[in-house]
C-alpha cells in the first residue's frame, strides 16, 4: 500500500481521505512512554471514525541510542507482528510505520531495516535530540537550547528533509519547548526548514500533541510550546503543504486534538492536505 499526501487536483485516482479520516502519528506501549496496544488503537480508530490508522512507533537504532524513549531493538519483530495482525481488520486500513530520529549516520540503517526488511508503508522524520561531536545529545524537550543548539537543530532538520526517506516532517517547530523566544534566530531556523520543505516537497506536520502539553514560561508569559503560530504563518505564506496528526501516546488521544489543530490551521489560512491510498 502506498500513501501520499496530496490535494484533490493532484490525485492519482487512488482512494482519497480527508484529514479527519486519517491519523498517521501514534505511539503505543512499545515505546516505553506510551500506553495501549496496537489493537487498542485500532478500536479507538474505529470508534472515532478514523479510516486510515498509521502505527508509527519510535524506531530504535542498533546501538540503543536514546533507548529511554524508544522501542527496544529486541522488540521490533513483535511490534511489526502486531501491526501486521491488525492489518487484517476490514473495518479500516492500518499502515505500518516508524518515527525515526534523524542523523545522517542512521540514514542507510533506516532505509535497509524499515523500508527494505520490514516493508513499512512510510517513515516519519523527526528531530528530538541535537547532536554535537564534542558533547552529549541534547533533548529538544528538556535540554538547554541556546542559539548554537538551535542552529544545529536546523541543520539536522534540513538534512532530514533532503534525505528523501520520509513521508513528512514531524513537529518542525518543537524547538519551542526549550528555545522560548521568537527572535532573529528562531525566524532564521523556521525559514530554513520551510524553504527545505518547499525545495524537497516534503509536507510538514501541525502536531496535535503540542496542544495537549502543559504551557511553558516564556518571555511573554505562559505559552503553548508548539505549534508556534509565527512558524505556521511563515509556512502559510510560503504555501508549504501541511498536515495534522495527533501524535497520540494513548488510544484515547487519537482524535482529541483534531478540532483544535484544524481550527488553528484555519485561523492562519493554511489548507490541510488530503491523503491518497494507492494499491
Protein backbone atom coordinates (compact mmCIF):
# COMPACT_ATOMS: atom_id res chain seq x y z
CA UNK A 1 0.00 0.00 0.00
CA UNK A 2 1.31 3.46 -0.93
CA UNK A 3 0.11 6.55 0.91
CA UNK A 4 0.68 10.01 -0.49
CA UNK A 5 -0.16 13.48 0.77
CA UNK A 6 -1.96 15.41 -1.89
CA UNK A 7 -4.54 17.95 -2.96
CA UNK A 8 -7.61 16.75 -4.81
CA UNK A 9 -6.42 18.36 -8.04
CA UNK A 10 -3.25 16.25 -7.90
CA UNK A 11 -4.98 12.92 -7.26
CA UNK A 12 -3.64 9.82 -8.99
CA UNK A 13 -7.12 8.28 -8.79
CA UNK A 14 -6.49 6.32 -5.64
CA UNK A 15 -8.71 6.37 -2.56
CA UNK A 16 -8.89 9.93 -1.20
CA UNK A 17 -9.36 10.63 2.50
CA UNK A 18 -9.92 13.92 4.27
CA UNK A 19 -7.64 14.92 7.18
CA UNK A 20 -10.23 13.95 9.81
CA UNK A 21 -10.30 10.39 8.46
CA UNK A 22 -6.56 9.77 8.76
CA UNK A 23 -4.08 9.69 11.64
CA UNK A 24 -0.52 8.72 10.78
CA UNK A 25 1.32 9.52 14.03
CA UNK A 26 0.69 7.25 17.02
CA UNK A 27 2.71 5.62 19.79
CA UNK A 28 1.80 2.56 21.83
CA UNK A 29 3.18 0.73 24.86
CA UNK A 30 6.11 -0.46 22.72
CA UNK A 31 7.96 2.86 23.06
CA UNK A 32 8.03 2.75 26.87
CA UNK A 33 6.37 6.14 27.35
CA UNK A 34 3.11 5.34 25.54
CA UNK A 35 0.06 3.33 26.57
CA UNK A 36 -2.19 0.83 24.86
CA UNK A 37 -1.64 -2.00 22.44
CA UNK A 38 -1.80 -1.74 18.65
CA UNK A 39 -5.24 -3.35 18.86
CA UNK A 40 -6.35 -0.72 21.39
CA UNK A 41 -5.52 1.93 18.80
CA UNK A 42 -7.49 0.05 16.16
CA UNK A 43 -10.56 0.02 18.40
CA UNK A 44 -10.15 3.72 19.17
CA UNK A 45 -9.82 4.48 15.45
CA UNK A 46 -12.99 2.57 14.61
CA UNK A 47 -14.92 4.23 17.44
CA UNK A 48 -13.81 7.68 16.26
CA UNK A 49 -14.43 7.05 12.54
CA UNK A 50 -10.76 7.14 11.57
CA UNK A 51 -10.48 5.32 8.24
CA UNK A 52 -6.69 5.11 7.98
CA UNK A 53 -4.57 4.46 11.06
CA UNK A 54 -0.81 4.74 10.93
CA UNK A 55 1.11 2.83 13.62
CA UNK A 56 4.38 4.74 13.88
CA UNK A 57 6.35 3.62 16.91
CA UNK A 58 9.62 5.38 17.81
CA UNK A 59 12.29 3.48 15.89
CA UNK A 60 15.27 2.13 17.80
CA UNK A 61 18.80 2.11 16.45
CA UNK A 62 21.26 -0.79 16.81
CA UNK A 63 23.43 0.91 19.43
CA UNK A 64 20.31 1.60 21.57
CA UNK A 65 20.93 5.34 21.45
CA UNK A 66 18.03 7.28 23.00
CA UNK A 67 16.81 3.94 24.41
CA UNK A 68 14.96 5.51 27.36
CA UNK A 69 12.31 6.89 25.00
CA UNK A 70 12.46 4.45 22.09
CA UNK A 71 11.16 0.97 21.35
CA UNK A 72 13.81 -1.61 22.34
CA UNK A 73 15.68 -3.01 19.36
CA UNK A 74 14.76 -6.50 20.53
CA UNK A 75 11.01 -5.77 20.18
CA UNK A 76 10.93 -4.64 16.54
CA UNK A 77 9.69 -8.03 15.35
CA UNK A 78 6.96 -8.17 17.99
CA UNK A 79 5.77 -4.68 17.06
CA UNK A 80 5.72 -5.46 13.36
CA UNK A 81 3.81 -8.69 14.01
CA UNK A 82 1.14 -6.85 15.99
CA UNK A 83 0.69 -4.26 13.24
CA UNK A 84 0.53 -6.94 10.55
CA UNK A 85 -2.13 -8.77 12.55
CA UNK A 86 -4.12 -5.54 12.83
CA UNK A 87 -3.92 -5.07 9.07
CA UNK A 88 -6.30 -8.00 8.68
CA UNK A 89 -9.10 -5.90 10.23
CA UNK A 90 -11.52 -4.96 7.43
CA UNK A 91 -13.09 -2.07 9.32
CA UNK A 92 -10.24 0.30 8.44
CA UNK A 93 -6.84 0.48 6.78
CA UNK A 94 -3.87 0.02 9.12
CA UNK A 95 -0.46 1.16 7.91
CA UNK A 96 2.89 0.01 9.24
CA UNK A 97 5.42 2.73 10.02
CA UNK A 98 8.03 4.07 12.42
CA UNK A 99 9.07 7.54 13.52
CA UNK A 100 12.80 7.97 13.00
CA UNK A 101 15.11 10.36 14.83
CA UNK A 102 17.25 11.59 12.00
CA UNK A 103 21.02 11.62 11.97
CA UNK A 104 23.00 11.02 8.80
CA UNK A 105 24.78 8.11 10.49
CA UNK A 106 21.49 6.17 10.57
CA UNK A 107 20.13 7.03 7.13
CA UNK A 108 21.12 3.75 5.46
CA UNK A 109 20.04 1.77 8.51
CA UNK A 110 16.55 3.26 8.46
CA UNK A 111 16.24 2.52 4.76
CA UNK A 112 17.57 -1.03 4.98
CA UNK A 113 15.83 -2.05 8.21
CA UNK A 114 12.41 -0.46 7.95
CA UNK A 115 11.85 0.04 4.23
CA UNK A 116 13.84 -2.95 2.99
CA UNK A 117 13.46 -5.63 5.67
CA UNK A 118 10.14 -4.74 7.32
CA UNK A 119 8.41 -3.19 4.29
CA UNK A 120 7.00 -0.22 6.19
CA UNK A 121 4.36 1.76 4.36
CA UNK A 122 6.05 5.04 5.28
CA UNK A 123 8.59 6.60 7.64
CA UNK A 124 8.17 9.75 9.71
CA UNK A 125 11.17 12.03 10.09
CA UNK A 126 11.71 13.85 13.39
CA UNK A 127 14.35 15.57 15.48
CA UNK A 128 14.11 15.08 19.25
CA UNK A 129 17.82 15.43 20.04
CA UNK A 130 20.54 17.84 18.98
CA UNK A 131 23.85 16.12 18.34
CA UNK A 132 27.35 17.58 18.64
CA UNK A 133 30.59 15.67 18.28
CA UNK A 134 32.01 17.36 21.38
CA UNK A 135 29.00 16.98 23.69
CA UNK A 136 26.22 14.63 24.75
CA UNK A 137 22.99 14.61 22.78
CA UNK A 138 20.68 17.38 23.97
CA UNK A 139 16.94 16.77 24.24
CA UNK A 140 14.77 19.31 22.46
CA UNK A 141 12.06 18.68 25.06
CA UNK A 142 14.03 19.30 28.22
CA UNK A 143 17.63 20.24 27.42
CA UNK A 144 19.32 23.65 27.35
CA UNK A 145 18.71 25.08 23.88
CA UNK A 146 20.57 28.27 23.01
CA UNK A 147 21.46 29.80 19.67
CA UNK A 148 24.17 27.23 18.95
CA UNK A 149 21.83 24.32 19.64
CA UNK A 150 19.01 25.89 17.61
CA UNK A 151 21.32 26.27 14.62
CA UNK A 152 22.29 22.61 14.94
CA UNK A 153 18.63 21.57 15.17
CA UNK A 154 18.02 23.45 11.94
CA UNK A 155 20.89 21.66 10.20
CA UNK A 156 19.53 18.29 11.33
CA UNK A 157 16.01 19.08 10.18
CA UNK A 158 17.04 20.40 6.76
CA UNK A 159 19.26 17.35 6.18
CA UNK A 160 16.35 15.12 7.17
CA UNK A 161 14.02 16.73 4.64
CA UNK A 162 16.70 16.45 1.97
CA UNK A 163 17.21 12.71 2.57
CA UNK A 164 14.12 11.64 0.64
CA UNK A 165 13.30 8.97 3.24
CA UNK A 166 10.28 10.45 4.94
CA UNK A 167 6.62 10.94 4.09
CA UNK A 168 6.52 14.09 6.23
CA UNK A 169 8.46 16.04 8.82
CA UNK A 170 7.00 15.78 12.33
CA UNK A 171 6.55 18.80 14.63
CA UNK A 172 9.10 21.06 12.88
CA UNK A 173 8.54 23.76 15.49
CA UNK A 174 9.14 21.53 18.52
CA UNK A 175 12.22 23.64 19.25
CA UNK A 176 9.74 25.95 21.00
CA UNK A 177 9.84 23.60 24.01
CA UNK A 178 13.23 24.93 25.04
CA UNK A 179 14.01 27.90 22.76
CA UNK A 180 11.42 30.21 24.22
CA UNK A 181 11.82 33.49 22.37
CA UNK A 182 10.77 34.45 18.87
CA UNK A 183 13.90 36.29 17.73
CA UNK A 184 16.03 36.50 14.60
CA UNK A 185 17.48 33.03 15.23
CA UNK A 186 14.03 31.46 15.59
CA UNK A 187 12.94 33.19 12.38
CA UNK A 188 16.04 32.01 10.52
CA UNK A 189 15.55 28.45 11.76
CA UNK A 190 11.92 28.48 10.67
CA UNK A 191 12.72 29.99 7.28
CA UNK A 192 15.39 27.37 6.56
CA UNK A 193 13.08 24.47 7.46
CA UNK A 194 10.18 25.90 5.48
CA UNK A 195 12.35 26.53 2.43
CA UNK A 196 13.71 22.98 2.61
CA UNK A 197 10.17 21.59 2.81
CA UNK A 198 9.33 23.52 -0.35
CA UNK A 199 12.54 22.56 -2.16
CA UNK A 200 12.27 18.84 -1.39
CA UNK A 201 8.45 18.73 -1.50
CA UNK A 202 8.07 17.23 1.98
CA UNK A 203 4.92 18.14 3.95
CA UNK A 204 5.22 19.48 7.48
CA UNK A 205 3.05 18.44 10.41
CA UNK A 206 0.95 20.60 12.70
CA UNK A 207 1.37 18.35 15.70
CA UNK A 208 -1.69 17.89 17.91
CA UNK A 209 0.35 16.76 20.91
CA UNK A 210 1.59 20.31 21.34
CA UNK A 211 -1.94 21.43 22.17
CA UNK A 212 -2.15 18.82 24.93
CA UNK A 213 1.15 19.68 26.57
CA UNK A 214 1.45 21.91 29.61
CA UNK A 215 2.16 25.55 28.88
CA UNK A 216 5.71 26.79 29.40
CA UNK A 217 7.10 30.03 30.75
CA UNK A 218 8.49 32.29 28.03
CA UNK A 219 9.43 35.96 27.73
CA UNK A 220 5.73 36.60 27.05
CA UNK A 221 4.43 34.60 29.99
CA UNK A 222 2.83 31.16 29.80
CA UNK A 223 2.57 29.92 26.22
CA UNK A 224 1.96 26.69 24.34
CA UNK A 225 5.37 25.14 23.46
CA UNK A 226 4.24 24.25 19.93
CA UNK A 227 2.68 24.59 17.40
CA UNK A 228 4.21 28.06 17.13
CA UNK A 229 1.85 30.46 15.39
CA UNK A 230 4.66 32.58 13.94
CA UNK A 231 6.22 29.49 12.36
CA UNK A 232 2.98 28.46 10.69
CA UNK A 233 2.24 31.97 9.49
CA UNK A 234 5.57 31.83 7.65
CA UNK A 235 4.72 28.35 6.34
CA UNK A 236 1.35 29.59 5.11
CA UNK A 237 2.96 32.49 3.26
CA UNK A 238 5.37 30.05 1.61
CA UNK A 239 2.47 27.74 0.68
CA UNK A 240 4.04 24.72 2.38
CA UNK A 241 1.99 21.53 2.29
CA UNK A 242 0.64 21.00 5.81
CA UNK A 243 -0.99 18.04 7.54
CA UNK A 244 -2.10 17.40 11.09
CA UNK A 245 -1.77 14.32 13.29
CA UNK A 246 -2.46 13.59 16.93
CA UNK A 247 0.98 12.21 17.90
CA UNK A 248 -1.11 10.17 20.35
CA UNK A 249 0.67 8.32 23.14
CA UNK A 250 -2.52 6.66 24.39
CA UNK A 251 -5.54 5.43 22.40
CA UNK A 252 -7.99 7.92 23.89
CA UNK A 253 -5.93 10.79 22.45
CA UNK A 254 -6.23 9.57 18.88
CA UNK A 255 -8.59 12.35 17.77
CA UNK A 256 -8.88 14.53 20.85
CA UNK A 257 -6.83 17.43 19.43
CA UNK A 258 -8.07 17.22 15.85
CA UNK A 259 -10.63 20.03 16.02
CA UNK A 260 -8.14 22.29 17.78
CA UNK A 261 -5.49 21.60 15.15
CA UNK A 262 -7.88 22.29 12.28
CA UNK A 263 -9.12 25.49 13.93
CA UNK A 264 -5.50 26.58 14.35
CA UNK A 265 -4.79 25.91 10.66
CA UNK A 266 -7.95 27.71 9.58
CA UNK A 267 -7.15 30.75 11.73
CA UNK A 268 -3.85 31.13 9.90
CA UNK A 269 -5.20 30.26 6.46
CA UNK A 270 -3.29 27.03 5.87
CA UNK A 271 -5.16 24.48 3.77
CA UNK A 272 -4.60 20.99 5.14
CA UNK A 273 -3.74 18.40 2.51
CA UNK A 274 -5.69 15.21 1.90
CA UNK A 275 -4.37 11.66 1.84
CA UNK A 276 -4.44 9.17 -1.00
CA UNK A 277 -4.05 5.41 -0.81
CA UNK A 278 -2.87 3.61 -3.91
CA UNK A 279 -2.89 -0.18 -4.07
